[in-house]
Amino acid sequence: MAAKVKKGDQVMVIAGKDKGKKGQVKLVMPTEKRVVVEGVGMVTKHTRPSMSSQGGLEKREAPIHLSNVALLDPKSGKPTRVGFKTLDDGRKVRIARPSGEQIDS
């Protein structure tokens, strides 16, 4: 199955404590069906001092479920569903459902 959300995509959180926030996808975990979005789902992690870091409290993004994010339409900037279309040259690309705008370049 082709991925509907990929690393680098602009998404909006549509459910949960960060509902309405927008950000860029930093990491996709397809087997867990989760994504890490920049600046969304912040948690405090207690880290132990090591040779490279001082330790203490560290803020980082936690993974959120794929069903709680929606891809942003490149044309309108609103959350959209994703469809697929095969081009004449045989490439399969993602399209935004309402506008029909191509998401992949």
C-alpha atoms as a PDB file:
ATOM      1  CA  MET A   1       0.000   0.000   0.000  1.00  0.00           C
ATOM      2  CA  ALA A   2       1.296   3.447  -0.899  1.00  0.00           C
ATOM      3  CA  ALA A   3       1.955   5.934   1.885  1.00  0.00           C
ATOM      4  CA  LYS A   4      -0.497   8.806   2.202  1.00  0.00           C
ATOM      5  CA  VAL A   5       1.791  10.826   4.495  1.00  0.00           C
ATOM      6  CA  LYS A   6       5.528  11.092   3.877  1.00  0.00           C
ATOM      7  CA  LYS A   7       8.496  12.743   5.564  1.00  0.00           C
ATOM      8  CA  GLY A   8       8.563  16.487   4.818  1.00  0.00           C
ATOM      9  CA  ASP A   9       4.791  16.814   4.245  1.00  0.00           C
ATOM     10  CA  GLN A  10       2.859  19.685   5.817  1.00  0.00           C
ATOM     11  CA  VAL A  11       0.091  18.297   8.033  1.00  0.00           C
ATOM     12  CA  MET A  12      -2.540  19.537  10.469  1.00  0.00           C
ATOM     13  CA  VAL A  13      -3.510  17.745  13.671  1.00  0.00           C
ATOM     14  CA  ILE A  14      -7.266  17.064  13.522  1.00  0.00           C
ATOM     15  CA  ALA A  15      -7.754  15.342  16.908  1.00  0.00           C
ATOM     16  CA  GLY A  16      -6.223  15.315  20.376  1.00  0.00           C
ATOM     17  CA  LYS A  17      -4.678  17.912  22.656  1.00  0.00           C
ATOM     18  CA  ASP A  18      -2.821  19.627  19.793  1.00  0.00           C
ATOM     19  CA  LYS A  19      -5.856  19.867  17.499  1.00  0.00           C
ATOM     20  CA  GLY A  20      -5.468  22.656  14.934  1.00  0.00           C
ATOM     21  CA  LYS A  21      -1.662  22.815  15.039  1.00  0.00           C
ATOM     22  CA  LYS A  22       0.266  22.603  11.777  1.00  0.00           C
ATOM     23  CA  GLY A  23       3.739  21.225  11.238  1.00  0.00           C
ATOM     24  CA  GLN A  24       6.113  19.295   9.060  1.00  0.00           C
ATOM     25  CA  VAL A  25       6.446  15.514   9.318  1.00  0.00           C
ATOM     26  CA  LYS A  26       9.884  14.609  10.718  1.00  0.00           C
ATOM     27  CA  LEU A  27       9.505  10.829  10.882  1.00  0.00           C
ATOM     28  CA  VAL A  28       7.016   8.225   9.646  1.00  0.00           C
ATOM     29  CA  MET A  29       6.691   4.855  11.395  1.00  0.00           C
ATOM     30  CA  PRO A  30       4.552   2.786   8.993  1.00  0.00           C
ATOM     31  CA  THR A  31       4.523  -0.421  11.046  1.00  0.00           C
ATOM     32  CA  GLU A  32       3.240   1.411  14.152  1.00  0.00           C
ATOM     33  CA  LYS A  33       1.001   3.703  12.012  1.00  0.00           C
ATOM     34  CA  ARG A  34       2.466   6.782  13.714  1.00  0.00           C
ATOM     35  CA  VAL A  35       4.170  10.023  12.697  1.00  0.00           C
ATOM     36  CA  VAL A  36       6.360  12.556  14.473  1.00  0.00           C
ATOM     37  CA  VAL A  37       5.348  16.122  13.623  1.00  0.00           C
ATOM     38  CA  GLU A  38       7.595  19.115  14.313  1.00  0.00           C
ATOM     39  CA  GLY A  39       6.389  21.042  17.387  1.00  0.00           C
ATOM     40  CA  VAL A  40       3.375  18.794  18.010  1.00  0.00           C
ATOM     41  CA  GLY A  41       2.809  16.320  20.853  1.00  0.00           C
ATOM     42  CA  MET A  42       5.589  17.693  23.037  1.00  0.00           C
ATOM     43  CA  VAL A  43       6.553  15.555  26.034  1.00  0.00           C
ATOM     44  CA  THR A  44       9.154  16.041  28.755  1.00  0.00           C
ATOM     45  CA  LYS A  45      11.852  13.383  28.782  1.00  0.00           C
ATOM     46  CA  HIS A  46      14.140  12.890  31.782  1.00  0.00           C
ATOM     47  CA  THR A  47      17.615  12.233  30.402  1.00  0.00           C
ATOM     48  CA  ARG A  48      20.661  10.905  32.213  1.00  0.00           C
ATOM     49  CA  PRO A  49      23.967  12.780  31.844  1.00  0.00           C
ATOM     50  CA  SER A  50      26.316  11.274  29.271  1.00  0.00           C
ATOM     51  CA  MET A  51      29.544  12.208  27.517  1.00  0.00           C
ATOM     52  CA  SER A  52      27.640  14.161  24.859  1.00  0.00           C
ATOM     53  CA  SER A  53      24.815  15.758  26.902  1.00  0.00           C
ATOM     54  CA  GLN A  54      24.425  17.300  30.327  1.00  0.00           C
ATOM     55  CA  GLY A  55      21.170  15.520  31.145  1.00  0.00           C
ATOM     56  CA  GLY A  56      18.055  16.851  32.862  1.00  0.00           C
ATOM     57  CA  LEU A  57      14.645  17.641  31.397  1.00  0.00           C
ATOM     58  CA  GLU A  58      14.402  17.573  27.619  1.00  0.00           C
ATOM     59  CA  LYS A  59      11.373  18.564  25.501  1.00  0.00           C
ATOM     60  CA  ARG A  60      10.797  16.402  22.436  1.00  0.00           C
ATOM     61  CA  GLU A  61       8.036  15.418  20.021  1.00  0.00           C
ATOM     62  CA  ALA A  62       6.137  12.211  20.717  1.00  0.00           C
ATOM     63  CA  PRO A  63       4.716  10.072  17.900  1.00  0.00           C
ATOM     64  CA  ILE A  64       1.010  10.592  17.163  1.00  0.00           C
ATOM     65  CA  HIS A  65      -1.345   8.260  15.325  1.00  0.00           C
ATOM     66  CA  LEU A  66      -1.756   8.681  11.552  1.00  0.00           C
ATOM     67  CA  SER A  67      -5.540   8.978  11.927  1.00  0.00           C
ATOM     68  CA  ASN A  68      -5.061  12.189  13.942  1.00  0.00           C
ATOM     69  CA  VAL A  69      -3.290  14.079  11.145  1.00  0.00           C
ATOM     70  CA  ALA A  70      -4.512  15.336   7.778  1.00  0.00           C
ATOM     71  CA  LEU A  71      -2.346  16.406   4.862  1.00  0.00           C
ATOM     72  CA  LEU A  72      -2.634  20.087   3.899  1.00  0.00           C
ATOM     73  CA  ASP A  73      -3.880  20.905   0.395  1.00  0.00           C
ATOM     74  CA  PRO A  74      -1.069  22.696  -1.522  1.00  0.00           C
ATOM     75  CA  LYS A  75      -3.665  24.925  -3.226  1.00  0.00           C
ATOM     76  CA  SER A  76      -5.939  26.014  -0.352  1.00  0.00           C
ATOM     77  CA  GLY A  77      -3.832  25.166   2.718  1.00  0.00           C
ATOM     78  CA  LYS A  78      -6.763  23.321   4.302  1.00  0.00           C
ATOM     79  CA  PRO A  79      -6.718  19.718   5.576  1.00  0.00           C
ATOM     80  CA  THR A  80      -7.613  17.278   2.827  1.00  0.00           C
ATOM     81  CA  ARG A  81      -8.035  13.601   2.052  1.00  0.00           C
ATOM     82  CA  VAL A  82      -5.460  11.971  -0.180  1.00  0.00           C
ATOM     83  CA  GLY A  83      -6.122  10.094  -3.397  1.00  0.00           C
ATOM     84  CA  PHE A  84      -3.869   8.458  -5.950  1.00  0.00           C
ATOM     85  CA  LYS A  85      -3.587   8.945  -9.691  1.00  0.00           C
ATOM     86  CA  THR A  86      -1.425   7.247 -12.308  1.00  0.00           C
ATOM     87  CA  LEU A  87       0.194   9.667 -14.736  1.00  0.00           C
ATOM     88  CA  ASP A  88       0.733   9.029 -18.451  1.00  0.00           C
ATOM     89  CA  ASP A  89       4.392   8.125 -17.833  1.00  0.00           C
ATOM     90  CA  GLY A  90       3.319   5.401 -15.358  1.00  0.00           C
ATOM     91  CA  ARG A  91       4.184   7.212 -12.120  1.00  0.00           C
ATOM     92  CA  LYS A  92       1.710   6.942  -9.233  1.00  0.00           C
ATOM     93  CA  VAL A  93       1.261  10.320  -7.501  1.00  0.00           C
ATOM     94  CA  ARG A  94      -0.768  11.586  -4.557  1.00  0.00           C
ATOM     95  CA  ILE A  95      -3.522  14.117  -5.208  1.00  0.00           C
ATOM     96  CA  ALA A  96      -5.613  16.292  -2.899  1.00  0.00           C
ATOM     97  CA  ARG A  97      -9.228  15.136  -3.154  1.00  0.00           C
ATOM     98  CA  PRO A  98     -11.196  18.446  -3.129  1.00  0.00           C
ATOM     99  CA  SER A  99      -8.926  20.442  -5.488  1.00  0.00           C
ATOM    100  CA  GLY A 100      -7.403  17.609  -7.535  1.00  0.00           C
ATOM    101  CA  GLU A 101      -4.026  19.298  -7.020  1.00  0.00           C
ATOM    102  CA  GLN A 102      -0.972  17.037  -7.321  1.00  0.00           C
ATOM    103  CA  ILE A 103       0.940  16.704  -4.033  1.00  0.00           C
ATOM    104  CA  ASP A 104       4.028  14.843  -5.313  1.00  0.00           C
ATOM    105  CA  SER A 105       6.250  16.689  -7.737  1.00  0.00           C
END
